[in-house]
Amino acid sequence: MHVAHIDYYFSTLSVFTYFAGDRLEEIAARHGATISYKPFDIIALYDRLGVARPADRPEGRKVYRMQEIKRLKAASGRPTNVQPAFWPTNAAPSSYALIAAAKSGEGRVADVIAALYRATWEEEKDIADDAVIGDALKAGGFDPALSMSGMVTGADTYARNLDEAFAAGVFGSPFYIVTDTDERFWGQDKLDELDAYLATL
């Protein structure tokens, strides 16, 4: 049986990645696929691509985004704050912690990701705060001290993830690449297509 591998590029600021939940992990488990978690600096990517940052987008795009978030909230039933108190915030500390968690291999990275997104979009917490990050690490079964001990490695990998995202043609979050075939899927609404594609391999 062929074992597919998925590079999962995402920003801890992304509301659309929040709505993706843990469906990627469910899909990967169903097909026996492996996942590399690659949090990256999405604002820096926008700058590198020469596209507008969210705050600088045309008004019509901003209106559409808010309508889409409200539709996703209604469809998912999740208690989403569509304009959270701590968004945007500094995504680097939470990303460093995720990188350290994935490297340690102790717990479940998907649970850390879920806790971070809940903190922003449901609990009105700042994911740049050390205590919030520590709680998210604990929720995934990791030592909360990883947020400090993994900082240097996390920073290096975070920068490398940005370079790799740019080189791989990533332009948003969430972004999934089946590395064996370079098949790419952008957005939480493409997870069904990813599921179907993996079934063909």
N, C-alpha and C. Protein backbone atom coordinates (compact mmCIF):
# COMPACT_ATOMS: atom_id res chain seq x y z
N MET A 1 0.85 -1.20 0.00
CA MET A 1 0.00 0.00 0.00
C MET A 1 0.88 1.25 0.00
N HIS A 2 0.55 2.18 -0.87
CA HIS A 2 1.31 3.43 -0.94
C HIS A 2 0.98 4.32 0.26
N VAL A 3 1.99 4.85 0.92
CA VAL A 3 1.80 5.75 2.05
C VAL A 3 2.05 7.18 1.59
N ALA A 4 1.00 7.96 1.55
CA ALA A 4 1.12 9.36 1.11
C ALA A 4 1.61 10.21 2.27
N HIS A 5 2.24 11.34 1.92
CA HIS A 5 2.69 12.30 2.93
C HIS A 5 2.12 13.66 2.58
N ILE A 6 1.67 14.37 3.61
CA ILE A 6 1.04 15.68 3.44
C ILE A 6 1.85 16.72 4.18
N ASP A 7 2.29 17.74 3.47
CA ASP A 7 2.85 18.93 4.11
C ASP A 7 1.69 19.88 4.39
N TYR A 8 1.51 20.19 5.65
CA TYR A 8 0.37 21.00 6.09
C TYR A 8 0.88 22.38 6.49
N TYR A 9 0.66 23.35 5.60
CA TYR A 9 1.07 24.73 5.85
C TYR A 9 -0.11 25.51 6.41
N PHE A 10 0.12 26.21 7.52
CA PHE A 10 -0.99 26.95 8.13
C PHE A 10 -0.46 28.08 9.01
N SER A 11 -1.33 29.04 9.25
CA SER A 11 -1.04 30.13 10.17
C SER A 11 -1.92 29.97 11.40
N THR A 12 -1.36 30.17 12.57
CA THR A 12 -2.16 30.08 13.79
C THR A 12 -3.13 31.26 13.92
N LEU A 13 -3.09 32.20 12.98
CA LEU A 13 -4.04 33.31 12.96
C LEU A 13 -5.27 33.02 12.09
N SER A 14 -5.24 31.94 11.34
CA SER A 14 -6.22 31.72 10.28
C SER A 14 -7.55 31.19 10.79
N VAL A 15 -8.61 31.96 10.57
CA VAL A 15 -9.95 31.51 10.98
C VAL A 15 -10.40 30.32 10.14
N PHE A 16 -9.95 30.25 8.90
CA PHE A 16 -10.38 29.14 8.04
C PHE A 16 -9.71 27.84 8.46
N THR A 17 -8.50 27.93 9.02
CA THR A 17 -7.85 26.75 9.56
C THR A 17 -8.56 26.32 10.85
N TYR A 18 -9.03 27.28 11.62
CA TYR A 18 -9.86 26.97 12.79
C TYR A 18 -11.07 26.15 12.39
N PHE A 19 -11.74 26.55 11.33
CA PHE A 19 -12.94 25.82 10.90
C PHE A 19 -12.61 24.45 10.31
N ALA A 20 -11.37 24.24 9.91
CA ALA A 20 -10.97 22.92 9.40
C ALA A 20 -10.98 21.88 10.51
N GLY A 21 -10.81 22.33 11.76
CA GLY A 21 -10.81 21.41 12.88
C GLY A 21 -9.73 20.34 12.73
N ASP A 22 -10.07 19.11 13.12
CA ASP A 22 -9.10 18.02 13.01
C ASP A 22 -9.45 17.07 11.86
N ARG A 23 -10.13 17.62 10.87
CA ARG A 23 -10.53 16.77 9.73
C ARG A 23 -9.33 16.25 8.95
N LEU A 24 -8.25 17.03 8.89
CA LEU A 24 -7.06 16.55 8.18
C LEU A 24 -6.54 15.29 8.84
N GLU A 25 -6.48 15.29 10.16
CA GLU A 25 -5.97 14.12 10.88
C GLU A 25 -6.87 12.91 10.66
N GLU A 26 -8.19 13.14 10.62
CA GLU A 26 -9.12 12.04 10.36
C GLU A 26 -8.90 11.46 8.97
N ILE A 27 -8.73 12.34 7.99
CA ILE A 27 -8.53 11.91 6.61
C ILE A 27 -7.20 11.16 6.48
N ALA A 28 -6.16 11.72 7.07
CA ALA A 28 -4.84 11.07 7.00
C ALA A 28 -4.88 9.69 7.63
N ALA A 29 -5.55 9.57 8.78
CA ALA A 29 -5.65 8.27 9.45
C ALA A 29 -6.40 7.27 8.58
N ARG A 30 -7.44 7.72 7.91
CA ARG A 30 -8.23 6.82 7.07
C ARG A 30 -7.41 6.25 5.91
N HIS A 31 -6.48 7.05 5.41
CA HIS A 31 -5.69 6.63 4.25
C HIS A 31 -4.27 6.20 4.62
N GLY A 32 -3.96 6.22 5.91
CA GLY A 32 -2.61 5.84 6.33
C GLY A 32 -1.55 6.85 5.94
N ALA A 33 -1.96 8.10 5.73
CA ALA A 33 -1.03 9.15 5.32
C ALA A 33 -0.34 9.77 6.53
N THR A 34 0.84 10.31 6.31
CA THR A 34 1.57 11.01 7.36
C THR A 34 1.49 12.52 7.11
N ILE A 35 1.72 13.28 8.18
CA ILE A 35 1.57 14.74 8.12
C ILE A 35 2.82 15.41 8.69
N SER A 36 3.30 16.44 7.99
CA SER A 36 4.30 17.35 8.55
C SER A 36 3.62 18.69 8.81
N TYR A 37 3.64 19.13 10.07
CA TYR A 37 3.00 20.39 10.45
C TYR A 37 3.99 21.53 10.20
N LYS A 38 3.56 22.53 9.41
CA LYS A 38 4.45 23.61 9.02
C LYS A 38 3.80 24.98 9.24
N PRO A 39 3.69 25.41 10.50
CA PRO A 39 3.19 26.76 10.74
C PRO A 39 4.14 27.79 10.15
N PHE A 40 3.58 28.84 9.55
CA PHE A 40 4.43 29.84 8.90
C PHE A 40 3.84 31.23 9.09
N ASP A 41 4.64 32.22 8.80
CA ASP A 41 4.25 33.64 8.96
C ASP A 41 3.49 34.07 7.71
N ILE A 42 2.17 34.08 7.81
CA ILE A 42 1.36 34.34 6.63
C ILE A 42 1.45 35.80 6.19
N ILE A 43 1.63 36.72 7.11
CA ILE A 43 1.76 38.13 6.73
C ILE A 43 3.05 38.34 5.94
N ALA A 44 4.13 37.71 6.39
CA ALA A 44 5.39 37.79 5.65
C ALA A 44 5.26 37.14 4.28
N LEU A 45 4.47 36.08 4.18
CA LEU A 45 4.26 35.44 2.88
C LEU A 45 3.52 36.38 1.94
N TYR A 46 2.47 37.05 2.45
CA TYR A 46 1.75 38.01 1.62
C TYR A 46 2.70 39.08 1.10
N ASP A 47 3.56 39.58 1.97
CA ASP A 47 4.52 40.60 1.57
C ASP A 47 5.46 40.07 0.48
N ARG A 48 5.91 38.84 0.67
CA ARG A 48 6.84 38.25 -0.29
C ARG A 48 6.16 38.01 -1.65
N LEU A 49 4.88 37.69 -1.59
CA LEU A 49 4.12 37.45 -2.83
C LEU A 49 3.69 38.76 -3.50
N GLY A 50 3.77 39.86 -2.75
CA GLY A 50 3.35 41.14 -3.29
C GLY A 50 1.84 41.32 -3.32
N VAL A 51 1.14 40.63 -2.39
CA VAL A 51 -0.32 40.77 -2.31
C VAL A 51 -0.67 41.54 -1.04
N ALA A 52 -1.87 42.09 -1.02
CA ALA A 52 -2.29 42.94 0.09
C ALA A 52 -2.45 42.15 1.38
N ARG A 53 -2.01 42.76 2.47
CA ARG A 53 -2.31 42.21 3.79
C ARG A 53 -3.82 42.33 4.04
N PRO A 54 -4.37 41.52 4.95
CA PRO A 54 -5.82 41.58 5.19
C PRO A 54 -6.34 42.98 5.47
N ALA A 55 -5.60 43.76 6.26
CA ALA A 55 -6.07 45.11 6.61
C ALA A 55 -6.08 46.05 5.40
N ASP A 56 -5.32 45.71 4.37
CA ASP A 56 -5.19 46.58 3.20
C ASP A 56 -5.99 46.09 2.00
N ARG A 57 -6.79 45.06 2.18
CA ARG A 57 -7.55 44.51 1.06
C ARG A 57 -8.71 45.43 0.69
N PRO A 58 -9.23 45.29 -0.51
CA PRO A 58 -10.39 46.10 -0.90
C PRO A 58 -11.58 45.86 0.03
N GLU A 59 -12.41 46.87 0.19
CA GLU A 59 -13.53 46.78 1.12
C GLU A 59 -14.45 45.61 0.79
N GLY A 60 -14.66 45.37 -0.49
CA GLY A 60 -15.51 44.25 -0.89
C GLY A 60 -14.99 42.92 -0.42
N ARG A 61 -13.68 42.76 -0.44
CA ARG A 61 -13.06 41.52 0.02
C ARG A 61 -13.23 41.36 1.53
N LYS A 62 -13.13 42.48 2.26
CA LYS A 62 -13.31 42.42 3.71
C LYS A 62 -14.75 42.05 4.07
N VAL A 63 -15.71 42.64 3.34
CA VAL A 63 -17.12 42.33 3.58
C VAL A 63 -17.40 40.86 3.30
N TYR A 64 -16.85 40.36 2.19
CA TYR A 64 -17.05 38.96 1.82
C TYR A 64 -16.48 38.03 2.88
N ARG A 65 -15.28 38.34 3.37
CA ARG A 65 -14.64 37.50 4.39
C ARG A 65 -15.52 37.40 5.63
N MET A 66 -16.07 38.52 6.08
CA MET A 66 -16.90 38.49 7.28
C MET A 66 -18.17 37.70 7.05
N GLN A 67 -18.78 37.85 5.88
CA GLN A 67 -19.97 37.06 5.57
C GLN A 67 -19.66 35.57 5.55
N GLU A 68 -18.50 35.23 5.00
CA GLU A 68 -18.11 33.82 4.91
C GLU A 68 -17.87 33.24 6.31
N ILE A 69 -17.23 34.00 7.18
CA ILE A 69 -17.00 33.53 8.55
C ILE A 69 -18.34 33.28 9.24
N LYS A 70 -19.29 34.17 9.06
CA LYS A 70 -20.61 33.99 9.70
C LYS A 70 -21.32 32.77 9.15
N ARG A 71 -21.19 32.52 7.85
CA ARG A 71 -21.80 31.32 7.27
C ARG A 71 -21.15 30.05 7.82
N LEU A 72 -19.83 30.07 7.94
CA LEU A 72 -19.12 28.91 8.47
C LEU A 72 -19.48 28.68 9.94
N LYS A 73 -19.62 29.77 10.69
CA LYS A 73 -20.04 29.66 12.09
C LYS A 73 -21.40 28.98 12.18
N ALA A 74 -22.34 29.42 11.36
CA ALA A 74 -23.69 28.85 11.38
C ALA A 74 -23.67 27.37 10.98
N ALA A 75 -22.89 27.05 9.95
CA ALA A 75 -22.85 25.68 9.45
C ALA A 75 -22.17 24.73 10.43
N SER A 76 -21.17 25.23 11.14
CA SER A 76 -20.40 24.38 12.05
C SER A 76 -21.02 24.27 13.43
N GLY A 77 -21.80 25.28 13.82
CA GLY A 77 -22.36 25.31 15.16
C GLY A 77 -21.35 25.66 16.23
N ARG A 78 -20.18 26.13 15.80
CA ARG A 78 -19.13 26.45 16.77
C ARG A 78 -19.35 27.86 17.33
N PRO A 79 -19.08 28.07 18.62
CA PRO A 79 -19.34 29.38 19.25
C PRO A 79 -18.26 30.41 18.90
N THR A 80 -18.21 30.77 17.65
CA THR A 80 -17.13 31.59 17.12
C THR A 80 -17.35 33.08 17.38
N ASN A 81 -16.31 33.74 17.89
CA ASN A 81 -16.31 35.20 17.95
C ASN A 81 -15.80 35.70 16.60
N VAL A 82 -16.69 36.27 15.79
CA VAL A 82 -16.29 36.61 14.43
C VAL A 82 -15.30 37.78 14.39
N GLN A 83 -15.25 38.56 15.46
CA GLN A 83 -14.24 39.62 15.59
C GLN A 83 -13.59 39.50 16.97
N PRO A 84 -12.69 38.54 17.13
CA PRO A 84 -12.13 38.25 18.45
C PRO A 84 -11.28 39.40 19.00
N ALA A 85 -11.21 39.43 20.31
CA ALA A 85 -10.52 40.53 21.00
C ALA A 85 -9.03 40.55 20.71
N PHE A 86 -8.43 39.37 20.51
CA PHE A 86 -6.98 39.29 20.34
C PHE A 86 -6.62 38.77 18.95
N TRP A 87 -7.13 39.47 17.95
CA TRP A 87 -6.80 39.12 16.57
C TRP A 87 -6.75 40.40 15.74
N PRO A 88 -5.71 40.57 14.95
CA PRO A 88 -4.53 39.69 14.87
C PRO A 88 -3.60 39.91 16.06
N THR A 89 -2.76 38.93 16.29
CA THR A 89 -1.76 39.00 17.35
C THR A 89 -0.44 38.46 16.78
N ASN A 90 0.57 38.39 17.61
CA ASN A 90 1.86 37.86 17.17
C ASN A 90 1.75 36.33 17.09
N ALA A 91 1.83 35.79 15.89
CA ALA A 91 1.67 34.34 15.70
C ALA A 91 2.94 33.56 15.98
N ALA A 92 4.07 34.24 16.13
CA ALA A 92 5.35 33.54 16.26
C ALA A 92 5.43 32.64 17.51
N PRO A 93 5.10 33.14 18.72
CA PRO A 93 5.28 32.28 19.90
C PRO A 93 4.48 30.98 19.83
N SER A 94 3.24 31.05 19.40
CA SER A 94 2.42 29.84 19.30
C SER A 94 2.98 28.90 18.24
N SER A 95 3.50 29.46 17.18
CA SER A 95 4.09 28.64 16.11
C SER A 95 5.36 27.95 16.59
N TYR A 96 6.19 28.67 17.33
CA TYR A 96 7.41 28.07 17.88
C TYR A 96 7.04 26.88 18.78
N ALA A 97 6.01 27.06 19.61
CA ALA A 97 5.59 25.99 20.51
C ALA A 97 5.09 24.77 19.73
N LEU A 98 4.34 25.01 18.67
CA LEU A 98 3.85 23.90 17.85
C LEU A 98 5.01 23.14 17.21
N ILE A 99 5.98 23.88 16.73
CA ILE A 99 7.15 23.25 16.10
C ILE A 99 7.90 22.39 17.12
N ALA A 100 8.06 22.93 18.33
CA ALA A 100 8.74 22.18 19.38
C ALA A 100 7.95 20.93 19.76
N ALA A 101 6.62 21.07 19.81
CA ALA A 101 5.77 19.92 20.15
C ALA A 101 5.88 18.83 19.10
N ALA A 102 5.81 19.22 17.84
CA ALA A 102 5.89 18.24 16.76
C ALA A 102 7.24 17.52 16.78
N LYS A 103 8.28 18.27 17.11
CA LYS A 103 9.62 17.67 17.15
C LYS A 103 9.77 16.70 18.32
N SER A 104 9.13 17.00 19.44
CA SER A 104 9.28 16.17 20.64
C SER A 104 8.60 14.81 20.49
N GLY A 105 7.48 14.79 19.75
CA GLY A 105 6.79 13.53 19.52
C GLY A 105 6.09 12.95 20.73
N GLU A 106 5.86 13.76 21.76
CA GLU A 106 5.27 13.24 23.00
C GLU A 106 3.76 13.03 22.90
N GLY A 107 3.04 14.05 22.46
CA GLY A 107 1.59 14.04 22.52
C GLY A 107 0.94 14.13 21.15
N ARG A 108 -0.15 14.90 21.08
CA ARG A 108 -0.90 15.01 19.84
C ARG A 108 -0.92 16.47 19.40
N VAL A 109 -0.20 16.75 18.33
CA VAL A 109 -0.05 18.13 17.85
C VAL A 109 -1.42 18.72 17.47
N ALA A 110 -2.29 17.90 16.88
CA ALA A 110 -3.60 18.39 16.46
C ALA A 110 -4.39 18.97 17.63
N ASP A 111 -4.21 18.41 18.83
CA ASP A 111 -4.93 18.92 20.00
C ASP A 111 -4.38 20.27 20.45
N VAL A 112 -3.07 20.47 20.26
CA VAL A 112 -2.48 21.77 20.58
C VAL A 112 -3.02 22.83 19.61
N ILE A 113 -3.04 22.48 18.33
CA ILE A 113 -3.56 23.40 17.32
C ILE A 113 -5.00 23.77 17.64
N ALA A 114 -5.81 22.76 17.95
CA ALA A 114 -7.22 23.00 18.26
C ALA A 114 -7.38 23.91 19.47
N ALA A 115 -6.56 23.71 20.49
CA ALA A 115 -6.64 24.54 21.70
C ALA A 115 -6.26 25.98 21.40
N LEU A 116 -5.28 26.18 20.55
CA LEU A 116 -4.87 27.54 20.18
C LEU A 116 -5.97 28.25 19.41
N TYR A 117 -6.59 27.54 18.47
CA TYR A 117 -7.67 28.17 17.71
C TYR A 117 -8.89 28.46 18.58
N ARG A 118 -9.21 27.55 19.49
CA ARG A 118 -10.32 27.82 20.42
C ARG A 118 -10.02 29.05 21.27
N ALA A 119 -8.76 29.18 21.70
CA ALA A 119 -8.39 30.32 22.53
C ALA A 119 -8.69 31.64 21.83
N THR A 120 -8.34 31.71 20.55
CA THR A 120 -8.58 32.95 19.80
C THR A 120 -10.05 33.14 19.46
N TRP A 121 -10.65 32.13 18.85
CA TRP A 121 -11.95 32.29 18.19
C TRP A 121 -13.15 31.98 19.08
N GLU A 122 -12.90 31.38 20.27
CA GLU A 122 -14.02 31.06 21.15
C GLU A 122 -13.85 31.64 22.55
N GLU A 123 -12.62 31.76 23.03
CA GLU A 123 -12.38 32.07 24.44
C GLU A 123 -11.84 33.47 24.70
N GLU A 124 -11.65 34.26 23.65
CA GLU A 124 -11.15 35.63 23.80
C GLU A 124 -9.83 35.68 24.54
N LYS A 125 -8.91 34.79 24.15
CA LYS A 125 -7.57 34.76 24.74
C LYS A 125 -6.54 35.10 23.68
N ASP A 126 -5.37 35.56 24.15
CA ASP A 126 -4.29 35.97 23.27
C ASP A 126 -3.29 34.82 23.13
N ILE A 127 -3.17 34.26 21.93
CA ILE A 127 -2.27 33.11 21.75
C ILE A 127 -0.80 33.52 21.70
N ALA A 128 -0.51 34.79 21.89
CA ALA A 128 0.88 35.22 22.07
C ALA A 128 1.27 35.18 23.55
N ASP A 129 0.29 34.91 24.42
CA ASP A 129 0.54 34.89 25.86
C ASP A 129 1.11 33.54 26.28
N ASP A 130 2.17 33.56 27.09
CA ASP A 130 2.84 32.33 27.51
C ASP A 130 1.90 31.36 28.21
N ALA A 131 1.02 31.87 29.05
CA ALA A 131 0.11 30.99 29.80
C ALA A 131 -0.88 30.29 28.87
N VAL A 132 -1.36 31.01 27.88
CA VAL A 132 -2.30 30.44 26.91
C VAL A 132 -1.61 29.35 26.10
N ILE A 133 -0.38 29.62 25.69
CA ILE A 133 0.40 28.63 24.93
C ILE A 133 0.67 27.40 25.79
N GLY A 134 1.03 27.64 27.06
CA GLY A 134 1.29 26.52 27.98
C GLY A 134 0.06 25.64 28.16
N ASP A 135 -1.11 26.26 28.29
CA ASP A 135 -2.35 25.50 28.43
C ASP A 135 -2.64 24.68 27.17
N ALA A 136 -2.34 25.25 26.00
CA ALA A 136 -2.56 24.53 24.75
C ALA A 136 -1.63 23.33 24.65
N LEU A 137 -0.39 23.51 25.06
CA LEU A 137 0.56 22.38 25.04
C LEU A 137 0.09 21.28 25.98
N LYS A 138 -0.39 21.65 27.16
CA LYS A 138 -0.89 20.65 28.10
C LYS A 138 -2.10 19.92 27.53
N ALA A 139 -2.95 20.65 26.80
CA ALA A 139 -4.14 20.03 26.21
C ALA A 139 -3.77 18.94 25.21
N GLY A 140 -2.57 19.07 24.62
CA GLY A 140 -2.12 18.08 23.66
C GLY A 140 -1.24 17.00 24.27
N GLY A 141 -1.04 17.07 25.60
CA GLY A 141 -0.22 16.08 26.27
C GLY A 141 1.26 16.38 26.26
N PHE A 142 1.60 17.66 26.06
CA PHE A 142 3.01 18.06 26.01
C PHE A 142 3.40 18.84 27.27
N ASP A 143 4.68 18.88 27.53
CA ASP A 143 5.24 19.68 28.61
C ASP A 143 5.12 21.15 28.24
N PRO A 144 4.42 21.96 29.04
CA PRO A 144 4.29 23.38 28.69
C PRO A 144 5.62 24.12 28.62
N ALA A 145 6.66 23.58 29.23
CA ALA A 145 7.98 24.20 29.18
C ALA A 145 8.58 24.20 27.78
N LEU A 146 7.98 23.41 26.88
CA LEU A 146 8.46 23.39 25.50
C LEU A 146 8.39 24.77 24.85
N SER A 147 7.46 25.58 25.32
CA SER A 147 7.32 26.92 24.71
C SER A 147 8.57 27.75 24.91
N MET A 148 9.34 27.44 25.97
CA MET A 148 10.58 28.16 26.22
C MET A 148 11.78 27.39 25.70
N SER A 149 11.85 26.09 26.01
CA SER A 149 13.03 25.30 25.63
C SER A 149 13.15 25.13 24.13
N GLY A 150 12.01 25.19 23.42
CA GLY A 150 12.06 25.00 21.97
C GLY A 150 12.08 26.28 21.17
N MET A 151 12.33 27.41 21.85
CA MET A 151 12.19 28.70 21.18
C MET A 151 13.20 28.91 20.06
N VAL A 152 14.46 28.58 20.29
CA VAL A 152 15.48 28.83 19.26
C VAL A 152 15.25 27.95 18.04
N THR A 153 15.04 26.66 18.28
CA THR A 153 14.75 25.75 17.18
C THR A 153 13.46 26.15 16.48
N GLY A 154 12.46 26.54 17.28
CA GLY A 154 11.18 26.95 16.71
C GLY A 154 11.33 28.15 15.80
N ALA A 155 12.13 29.12 16.22
CA ALA A 155 12.33 30.34 15.42
C ALA A 155 13.01 30.00 14.09
N ASP A 156 14.01 29.15 14.14
CA ASP A 156 14.72 28.76 12.91
C ASP A 156 13.79 28.02 11.96
N THR A 157 13.02 27.09 12.51
CA THR A 157 12.12 26.30 11.67
C THR A 157 10.99 27.15 11.12
N TYR A 158 10.49 28.07 11.92
CA TYR A 158 9.40 28.97 11.49
C TYR A 158 9.86 29.78 10.26
N ALA A 159 11.08 30.28 10.31
CA ALA A 159 11.61 31.02 9.16
C ALA A 159 11.79 30.11 7.96
N ARG A 160 12.25 28.89 8.20
CA ARG A 160 12.43 27.93 7.10
C ARG A 160 11.09 27.52 6.50
N ASN A 161 10.07 27.38 7.36
CA ASN A 161 8.74 27.04 6.85
C ASN A 161 8.22 28.10 5.88
N LEU A 162 8.51 29.36 6.19
CA LEU A 162 8.11 30.44 5.28
C LEU A 162 8.80 30.30 3.93
N ASP A 163 10.10 30.04 3.96
CA ASP A 163 10.84 29.85 2.71
C ASP A 163 10.28 28.67 1.93
N GLU A 164 10.00 27.58 2.63
CA GLU A 164 9.48 26.38 1.97
C GLU A 164 8.08 26.62 1.42
N ALA A 165 7.26 27.36 2.17
CA ALA A 165 5.91 27.67 1.70
C ALA A 165 5.97 28.48 0.41
N PHE A 166 6.82 29.48 0.40
CA PHE A 166 6.96 30.32 -0.80
C PHE A 166 7.44 29.49 -1.99
N ALA A 167 8.44 28.65 -1.75
CA ALA A 167 8.99 27.82 -2.83
C ALA A 167 7.97 26.79 -3.33
N ALA A 168 7.09 26.35 -2.43
CA ALA A 168 6.11 25.31 -2.80
C ALA A 168 4.87 25.87 -3.46
N GLY A 169 4.76 27.19 -3.53
CA GLY A 169 3.60 27.79 -4.17
C GLY A 169 2.42 28.03 -3.24
N VAL A 170 2.67 28.02 -1.93
CA VAL A 170 1.62 28.28 -0.96
C VAL A 170 1.24 29.76 -1.01
N PHE A 171 -0.06 30.04 -0.88
CA PHE A 171 -0.49 31.45 -0.89
C PHE A 171 -1.59 31.73 0.12
N GLY A 172 -1.89 30.78 0.98
CA GLY A 172 -2.93 31.00 1.99
C GLY A 172 -2.91 29.91 3.03
N SER A 173 -3.89 29.94 3.94
CA SER A 173 -3.96 28.98 5.04
C SER A 173 -5.42 28.60 5.28
N PRO A 174 -5.69 27.29 5.41
CA PRO A 174 -4.78 26.15 5.39
C PRO A 174 -4.43 25.74 3.96
N PHE A 175 -3.26 25.15 3.81
CA PHE A 175 -2.77 24.72 2.50
C PHE A 175 -2.15 23.33 2.67
N TYR A 176 -2.63 22.39 1.87
CA TYR A 176 -2.21 21.00 2.00
C TYR A 176 -1.54 20.56 0.70
N ILE A 177 -0.35 19.97 0.81
CA ILE A 177 0.35 19.47 -0.37
C ILE A 177 0.67 17.99 -0.17
N VAL A 178 0.18 17.16 -1.09
CA VAL A 178 0.56 15.76 -1.10
C VAL A 178 1.92 15.71 -1.79
N THR A 179 2.96 15.50 -0.99
CA THR A 179 4.32 15.72 -1.48
C THR A 179 4.73 14.74 -2.57
N ASP A 180 4.18 13.54 -2.53
CA ASP A 180 4.56 12.53 -3.52
C ASP A 180 4.24 12.97 -4.95
N THR A 181 3.13 13.70 -5.08
CA THR A 181 2.64 14.07 -6.42
C THR A 181 2.56 15.58 -6.62
N ASP A 182 2.88 16.36 -5.59
CA ASP A 182 2.77 17.82 -5.62
C ASP A 182 1.33 18.27 -5.88
N GLU A 183 0.37 17.46 -5.47
CA GLU A 183 -1.04 17.84 -5.60
C GLU A 183 -1.38 18.78 -4.45
N ARG A 184 -2.00 19.93 -4.77
CA ARG A 184 -2.18 21.00 -3.79
C ARG A 184 -3.66 21.27 -3.54
N PHE A 185 -3.98 21.58 -2.29
CA PHE A 185 -5.35 21.88 -1.89
C PHE A 185 -5.32 23.08 -0.96
N TRP A 186 -6.09 24.10 -1.29
CA TRP A 186 -6.11 25.33 -0.49
C TRP A 186 -7.49 25.52 0.12
N GLY A 187 -7.51 25.62 1.42
CA GLY A 187 -8.74 25.95 2.12
C GLY A 187 -9.39 24.75 2.79
N GLN A 188 -10.08 25.03 3.91
CA GLN A 188 -10.77 23.97 4.63
C GLN A 188 -11.88 23.35 3.80
N ASP A 189 -12.38 24.08 2.82
CA ASP A 189 -13.45 23.55 1.98
C ASP A 189 -12.95 22.58 0.91
N LYS A 190 -11.63 22.35 0.87
CA LYS A 190 -11.07 21.39 -0.09
C LYS A 190 -10.69 20.06 0.56
N LEU A 191 -11.03 19.90 1.84
CA LEU A 191 -10.65 18.67 2.53
C LEU A 191 -11.35 17.44 1.95
N ASP A 192 -12.59 17.60 1.51
CA ASP A 192 -13.28 16.46 0.88
C ASP A 192 -12.56 16.05 -0.40
N GLU A 193 -12.07 17.04 -1.13
CA GLU A 193 -11.33 16.74 -2.36
C GLU A 193 -10.00 16.05 -2.04
N LEU A 194 -9.34 16.49 -0.98
CA LEU A 194 -8.11 15.83 -0.54
C LEU A 194 -8.40 14.38 -0.16
N ASP A 195 -9.47 14.17 0.56
CA ASP A 195 -9.88 12.83 0.97
C ASP A 195 -10.07 11.95 -0.27
N ALA A 196 -10.81 12.46 -1.24
CA ALA A 196 -11.08 11.69 -2.46
C ALA A 196 -9.79 11.42 -3.24
N TYR A 197 -8.91 12.40 -3.26
CA TYR A 197 -7.65 12.23 -4.00
C TYR A 197 -6.78 11.15 -3.37
N LEU A 198 -6.67 11.16 -2.04
CA LEU A 198 -5.85 10.15 -1.38
C LEU A 198 -6.37 8.74 -1.63
N ALA A 199 -7.69 8.64 -1.83
CA ALA A 199 -8.28 7.32 -2.11
C ALA A 199 -7.84 6.77 -3.46
N THR A 200 -7.34 7.65 -4.34
CA THR A 200 -6.91 7.19 -5.67
C THR A 200 -5.47 6.73 -5.70
N LEU A 201 -4.71 7.01 -4.65
CA LEU A 201 -3.28 6.69 -4.65
C LEU A 201 -3.00 5.24 -4.29
